[in-house]
Amino acid sequence: MESDHYNDPVVIGGCSVPVRVSRKSKPGLTTVNVGGIPIGSETVAIIAGPCAVENPHQLLETAKYVKEYGAVILRGGAFKPRSSPYNFQGLGEEGVRMLREAGKATGLPIVTEVMDTRQVAFVAENADMLQVGSRNMHNYPLLKEVGLTRKPILLKRGMMATLEEFLLAAEYILNQGNEQVVLCERGIRTFEPTTRNTLDLSAVPMLKHLTHLPVIVDPSHGTGHRWMVPTMAKAAVAAGADGLIIEVHYRPEEALCDGYQSLSPDEFSLLMAGLRKVANAVGRQIYQPPEHV
């Protein structure tokens, strides 16, 4: 009987990688389309917005700023996985609706995290892209469920996951017939306490060597320090990242979640100017919608 070659791992660069996510299954590169915005093309896509949706005013003001300065996808958390049960847990479905309205008002596609299989249908109906956070990278029922939606999926690397484990998690989604997956390096937990996580920028070229899927970087969670975000964001673009996801709040000092790692609008504006220079230096461009070019 003929064997199913998709079940056989392919060894590339010393790493055992499942066939569907590997370049052997698809020599070309996958471009994921998020509401008309390409991730994985020759350009670099910038995703930005607050860590958490707090209220309509906070969200809309932040969305206006990030769009003005060059972000092309709006992020915002409605269901918040927090280490302490006493911290702000997000606004849930109401937060998703606020995000949808802010996206409509600004013309930005939206991405938000889904934490539970019971949330998938609602979030998929309202968002342009679904995020699976680091804590849920090993949540295989959730990976299968988001794979069935056929919506673009932003999959974050688990905080203690190897790249092989990361790719195997992506394989769960692709195995449901959904190839619209963007991988996100967001830092891993090491012995170093001075940063929130250790941002593994070596993962960017390695993943792009192993897989056809787009790779983006989260310098906000990767460092946990607002002042470090611009440096690591530029380094990520220089390393070949297909995009960035950056936390921005119109008043970081008032943020209910992760204000210490969120950029102010002015800081985000300066970062975008620097990113354009770095992108140009390595032969790439920060993506802009055709009407803005």
Protein backbone atom coordinates (compact mmCIF):
# COMPACT_ATOMS: atom_id res chain seq x y z
CA MET A 1 0.00 0.00 0.00
CA GLU A 2 1.29 3.45 -0.90
CA SER A 3 2.34 5.41 2.16
CA ASP A 4 1.10 8.91 2.91
CA HIS A 5 4.28 10.96 2.42
CA TYR A 6 2.74 13.85 4.37
CA ASN A 7 3.18 11.82 7.55
CA ASP A 8 6.92 11.44 7.00
CA PRO A 9 9.16 14.17 8.40
CA VAL A 10 11.68 15.84 6.11
CA VAL A 11 15.07 16.68 7.56
CA ILE A 12 16.19 20.17 6.56
CA GLY A 13 19.19 21.81 8.19
CA GLY A 14 19.26 19.16 10.90
CA CYS A 15 15.65 19.89 11.94
CA SER A 16 12.89 17.34 11.36
CA VAL A 17 10.06 19.28 9.75
CA PRO A 18 6.63 18.02 8.63
CA VAL A 19 6.08 18.10 4.91
CA ARG A 20 3.14 20.51 4.67
CA VAL A 21 5.01 23.37 6.35
CA SER A 22 8.34 22.62 4.69
CA ARG A 23 9.78 24.07 1.52
CA LYS A 24 9.86 20.57 0.02
CA SER A 25 6.07 20.58 -0.15
CA LYS A 26 6.02 24.10 -1.59
CA PRO A 27 9.26 25.48 -3.04
CA GLY A 28 7.71 28.94 -3.43
CA LEU A 29 6.77 31.21 -0.56
CA THR A 30 3.26 31.59 0.83
CA THR A 31 1.75 35.08 0.92
CA VAL A 32 -1.08 35.42 3.43
CA ASN A 33 -3.76 37.95 2.52
CA VAL A 34 -5.31 39.72 5.51
CA GLY A 35 -8.16 41.91 4.33
CA GLY A 36 -6.21 42.86 1.22
CA ILE A 37 -2.86 43.27 3.03
CA PRO A 38 -0.14 40.82 1.94
CA ILE A 39 2.16 39.23 4.52
CA GLY A 40 5.03 37.27 3.08
CA SER A 41 5.62 39.28 -0.06
CA GLU A 42 8.66 41.40 -0.85
CA THR A 43 7.34 44.08 1.48
CA VAL A 44 7.19 44.26 5.30
CA ALA A 45 3.72 44.54 6.89
CA ILE A 46 3.28 46.46 10.14
CA ILE A 47 0.58 45.38 12.60
CA ALA A 48 0.01 47.77 15.50
CA GLY A 49 -2.47 48.68 18.20
CA PRO A 50 -3.12 48.36 21.92
CA CYS A 51 -2.42 45.26 23.95
CA ALA A 52 -6.03 45.28 25.12
CA VAL A 53 -9.25 46.86 23.92
CA GLU A 54 -10.32 49.07 26.83
CA ASN A 55 -13.07 51.31 25.46
CA PRO A 56 -14.17 52.71 22.08
CA HIS A 57 -12.34 56.04 22.51
CA GLN A 58 -9.00 54.49 23.46
CA LEU A 59 -9.20 52.03 20.59
CA LEU A 60 -10.27 54.46 17.88
CA GLU A 61 -7.73 57.12 18.87
CA THR A 62 -4.93 54.56 18.84
CA ALA A 63 -6.15 53.09 15.54
CA LYS A 64 -6.13 56.53 13.89
CA TYR A 65 -2.56 57.16 15.02
CA VAL A 66 -1.15 53.82 13.91
CA LYS A 67 -2.80 54.11 10.50
CA GLU A 68 -1.53 57.67 10.04
CA TYR A 69 2.04 56.57 10.73
CA GLY A 70 2.03 53.48 8.54
CA ALA A 71 0.47 50.44 10.19
CA VAL A 72 -1.73 48.44 7.83
CA ILE A 73 -3.40 45.99 10.25
CA LEU A 74 -4.94 46.85 13.64
CA ARG A 75 -4.29 44.59 16.62
CA GLY A 76 -6.13 44.54 19.93
CA GLY A 77 -6.87 41.95 22.60
CA ALA A 78 -10.45 41.26 23.63
CA PHE A 79 -9.90 37.90 25.35
CA LYS A 80 -6.80 38.37 27.52
CA PRO A 81 -4.80 35.41 28.89
CA ARG A 82 -3.27 36.87 32.07
CA SER A 83 -0.92 35.21 34.52
CA SER A 84 -3.03 36.46 37.44
CA PRO A 85 -6.79 35.92 37.52
CA TYR A 86 -7.10 39.32 39.21
CA ASN A 87 -5.63 41.29 36.29
CA PHE A 88 -7.77 42.81 33.54
CA GLN A 89 -9.15 39.91 31.51
CA GLY A 90 -10.40 41.87 28.51
CA LEU A 91 -13.88 42.84 27.36
CA GLY A 92 -14.63 39.60 25.56
CA GLU A 93 -17.14 39.68 22.72
CA GLU A 94 -17.88 43.35 23.29
CA GLY A 95 -14.20 44.08 22.78
CA VAL A 96 -14.23 42.19 19.49
CA ARG A 97 -17.20 44.28 18.34
CA MET A 98 -15.34 47.48 19.28
CA LEU A 99 -12.33 46.29 17.33
CA ARG A 100 -14.51 45.53 14.33
CA GLU A 101 -16.01 49.04 14.43
CA ALA A 102 -12.58 50.66 14.79
CA GLY A 103 -11.41 48.65 11.80
CA LYS A 104 -14.36 49.83 9.75
CA ALA A 105 -13.84 53.45 10.79
CA THR A 106 -10.17 53.43 9.81
CA GLY A 107 -10.25 50.95 6.95
CA LEU A 108 -7.78 48.68 8.74
CA PRO A 109 -8.15 44.88 8.81
CA ILE A 110 -8.15 43.55 12.37
CA VAL A 111 -6.44 40.72 14.23
CA THR A 112 -7.35 39.54 17.72
CA GLU A 113 -6.57 36.55 19.91
CA VAL A 114 -8.85 33.57 20.38
CA MET A 115 -8.26 31.41 23.47
CA ASP A 116 -10.99 28.78 23.40
CA THR A 117 -12.63 26.60 20.76
CA ARG A 118 -15.99 28.06 21.84
CA GLN A 119 -14.82 31.55 20.79
CA VAL A 120 -13.59 30.63 17.33
CA ALA A 121 -16.81 30.99 15.33
CA PHE A 122 -17.62 34.41 16.80
CA VAL A 123 -14.12 35.81 16.36
CA ALA A 124 -13.84 34.38 12.84
CA GLU A 125 -17.09 36.11 11.92
CA ASN A 126 -15.83 39.50 13.11
CA ALA A 127 -12.06 39.55 12.60
CA ASP A 128 -9.91 39.40 9.47
CA MET A 129 -7.24 37.33 11.21
CA LEU A 130 -7.25 35.09 14.30
CA GLN A 131 -4.32 35.01 16.67
CA VAL A 132 -3.31 31.92 18.63
CA GLY A 133 -1.14 33.17 21.49
CA SER A 134 2.00 31.63 22.93
CA ARG A 135 0.14 30.00 25.82
CA ASN A 136 -2.09 28.16 23.34
CA MET A 137 0.52 27.06 20.82
CA HIS A 138 0.19 23.53 22.25
CA ASN A 139 -3.62 23.69 22.42
CA TYR A 140 -4.20 21.18 19.64
CA PRO A 141 -8.02 21.22 19.66
CA LEU A 142 -7.85 25.01 19.25
CA LEU A 143 -5.31 24.71 16.41
CA LYS A 144 -7.59 22.27 14.61
CA GLU A 145 -10.61 24.51 15.11
CA VAL A 146 -8.97 27.67 13.75
CA GLY A 147 -7.69 25.61 10.84
CA LEU A 148 -11.26 24.82 9.87
CA THR A 149 -12.18 28.51 9.63
CA ARG A 150 -10.03 29.08 6.50
CA LYS A 151 -9.28 32.53 7.93
CA PRO A 152 -5.69 33.84 8.19
CA ILE A 153 -4.08 32.65 11.42
CA LEU A 154 -1.34 34.40 13.38
CA LEU A 155 0.44 31.67 15.35
CA LYS A 156 2.80 32.80 18.12
CA ARG A 157 5.69 30.66 19.25
CA GLY A 158 5.24 29.12 22.67
CA MET A 159 7.37 30.66 25.38
CA MET A 160 9.42 27.47 25.77
CA ALA A 161 8.91 25.89 22.35
CA THR A 162 11.61 24.71 20.00
CA LEU A 163 11.28 25.67 16.35
CA GLU A 164 10.38 22.08 15.52
CA GLU A 165 7.52 22.18 18.04
CA PHE A 166 6.48 25.55 16.61
CA LEU A 167 6.32 24.14 13.10
CA LEU A 168 4.45 21.07 14.28
CA ALA A 169 1.84 23.37 15.83
CA ALA A 170 1.49 25.13 12.47
CA GLU A 171 1.15 21.71 10.86
CA TYR A 172 -2.02 21.11 12.87
CA ILE A 173 -3.58 24.15 11.19
CA LEU A 174 -2.34 23.29 7.70
CA ASN A 175 -3.55 19.72 8.20
CA GLN A 176 -7.12 21.09 8.33
CA GLY A 177 -6.65 22.57 4.85
CA ASN A 178 -5.74 26.09 5.94
CA GLU A 179 -2.40 27.29 4.58
CA GLN A 180 -3.03 30.92 5.56
CA VAL A 181 -0.70 30.83 8.57
CA VAL A 182 1.75 33.51 9.71
CA LEU A 183 4.40 32.47 12.23
CA CYS A 184 5.34 34.95 14.97
CA GLU A 185 8.55 34.93 16.98
CA ARG A 186 7.74 36.67 20.28
CA GLY A 187 10.60 35.67 22.52
CA ILE A 188 11.25 32.58 24.59
CA ARG A 189 11.79 32.08 28.31
CA THR A 190 15.42 31.71 29.30
CA PHE A 191 17.51 32.28 32.43
CA GLU A 192 17.91 36.00 31.58
CA PRO A 193 15.71 38.18 33.85
CA THR A 194 16.44 41.68 32.51
CA THR A 195 14.01 41.31 29.62
CA ARG A 196 10.49 39.92 29.65
CA ASN A 197 11.58 37.22 27.20
CA THR A 198 14.66 36.50 25.11
CA LEU A 199 13.83 37.58 21.57
CA ASP A 200 15.23 34.85 19.32
CA LEU A 201 15.98 36.70 16.09
CA SER A 202 17.95 33.71 14.83
CA ALA A 203 14.55 32.04 14.49
CA VAL A 204 13.67 34.35 11.60
CA PRO A 205 16.26 33.16 9.06
CA MET A 206 16.00 29.58 10.30
CA LEU A 207 12.21 29.48 9.90
CA LYS A 208 12.42 31.11 6.50
CA HIS A 209 14.97 28.44 5.55
CA LEU A 210 12.74 25.61 6.74
CA THR A 211 9.24 26.74 5.79
CA HIS A 212 7.33 28.56 3.07
CA LEU A 213 5.15 30.33 5.65
CA PRO A 214 5.62 34.05 6.43
CA VAL A 215 7.48 34.98 9.60
CA ILE A 216 6.89 38.12 11.67
CA VAL A 217 8.33 39.35 14.97
CA ASP A 218 6.80 40.79 18.14
CA PRO A 219 9.44 43.06 19.72
CA SER A 220 7.00 44.29 22.37
CA HIS A 221 6.55 40.95 24.15
CA GLY A 222 10.03 39.90 23.09
CA THR A 223 11.63 42.56 25.28
CA GLY A 224 9.00 43.94 27.66
CA HIS A 225 10.65 47.36 27.55
CA ARG A 226 9.29 50.26 25.51
CA TRP A 227 12.77 51.69 24.93
CA MET A 228 14.03 48.41 23.45
CA VAL A 229 11.22 47.94 20.95
CA PRO A 230 12.58 50.23 18.18
CA THR A 231 16.04 48.62 18.21
CA MET A 232 14.73 45.06 18.07
CA ALA A 233 12.08 45.95 15.49
CA LYS A 234 14.76 47.30 13.16
CA ALA A 235 16.93 44.25 13.81
CA ALA A 236 14.00 41.98 12.95
CA VAL A 237 13.50 43.69 9.59
CA ALA A 238 17.24 43.42 8.89
CA ALA A 239 17.04 39.70 9.75
CA GLY A 240 14.37 39.18 7.09
CA ALA A 241 11.07 39.34 8.98
CA ASP A 242 8.00 39.67 6.79
CA GLY A 243 6.29 41.91 9.32
CA LEU A 244 6.11 43.23 12.86
CA ILE A 245 3.37 43.28 15.47
CA ILE A 246 3.85 46.22 17.83
CA GLU A 247 1.92 47.39 20.86
CA VAL A 248 0.91 51.06 20.66
CA HIS A 249 -1.36 52.96 23.04
CA TYR A 250 -2.45 56.55 22.66
CA ARG A 251 -1.65 57.02 26.37
CA PRO A 252 0.64 54.19 27.51
CA GLU A 253 0.79 55.48 31.07
CA GLU A 254 -2.97 54.81 31.37
CA ALA A 255 -3.00 51.39 29.72
CA LEU A 256 -4.76 48.58 31.56
CA CYS A 257 -2.34 46.02 30.12
CA ASP A 258 1.35 46.14 29.17
CA GLY A 259 1.67 49.92 29.11
CA TYR A 260 5.37 49.59 29.99
CA GLN A 261 6.09 47.96 26.62
CA SER A 262 3.64 49.97 24.51
CA LEU A 263 4.85 52.80 22.31
CA SER A 264 3.22 56.22 22.34
CA PRO A 265 2.04 57.60 18.96
CA ASP A 266 5.12 59.84 18.72
CA GLU A 267 7.44 56.92 19.46
CA PHE A 268 5.66 54.80 16.87
CA SER A 269 6.02 57.57 14.29
CA LEU A 270 9.78 57.75 14.89
CA LEU A 271 10.05 53.98 14.71
CA MET A 272 8.27 53.84 11.36
CA ALA A 273 10.69 56.40 9.91
CA GLY A 274 13.61 54.29 11.09
CA LEU A 275 12.07 51.05 9.80
CA ARG A 276 11.74 52.50 6.30
CA LYS A 277 15.45 53.29 6.26
CA VAL A 278 16.40 49.80 7.46
CA ALA A 279 14.06 48.12 4.99
CA ASN A 280 15.49 50.15 2.13
CA ALA A 281 19.02 49.30 3.23
CA VAL A 282 18.33 45.56 2.91
CA GLY A 283 16.46 45.88 -0.38
CA ARG A 284 12.90 45.82 0.94
CA GLN A 285 10.09 48.26 1.63
CA ILE A 286 7.53 48.79 4.37
CA TYR A 287 4.17 47.89 2.84
CA GLN A 288 1.83 50.74 1.99
CA PRO A 289 -1.61 50.33 0.43
CA PRO A 290 -1.65 51.38 -3.25
CA GLU A 291 -3.59 54.59 -2.51
CA HIS A 292 -0.79 55.71 -0.17
CA VAL A 293 2.09 55.00 -2.51
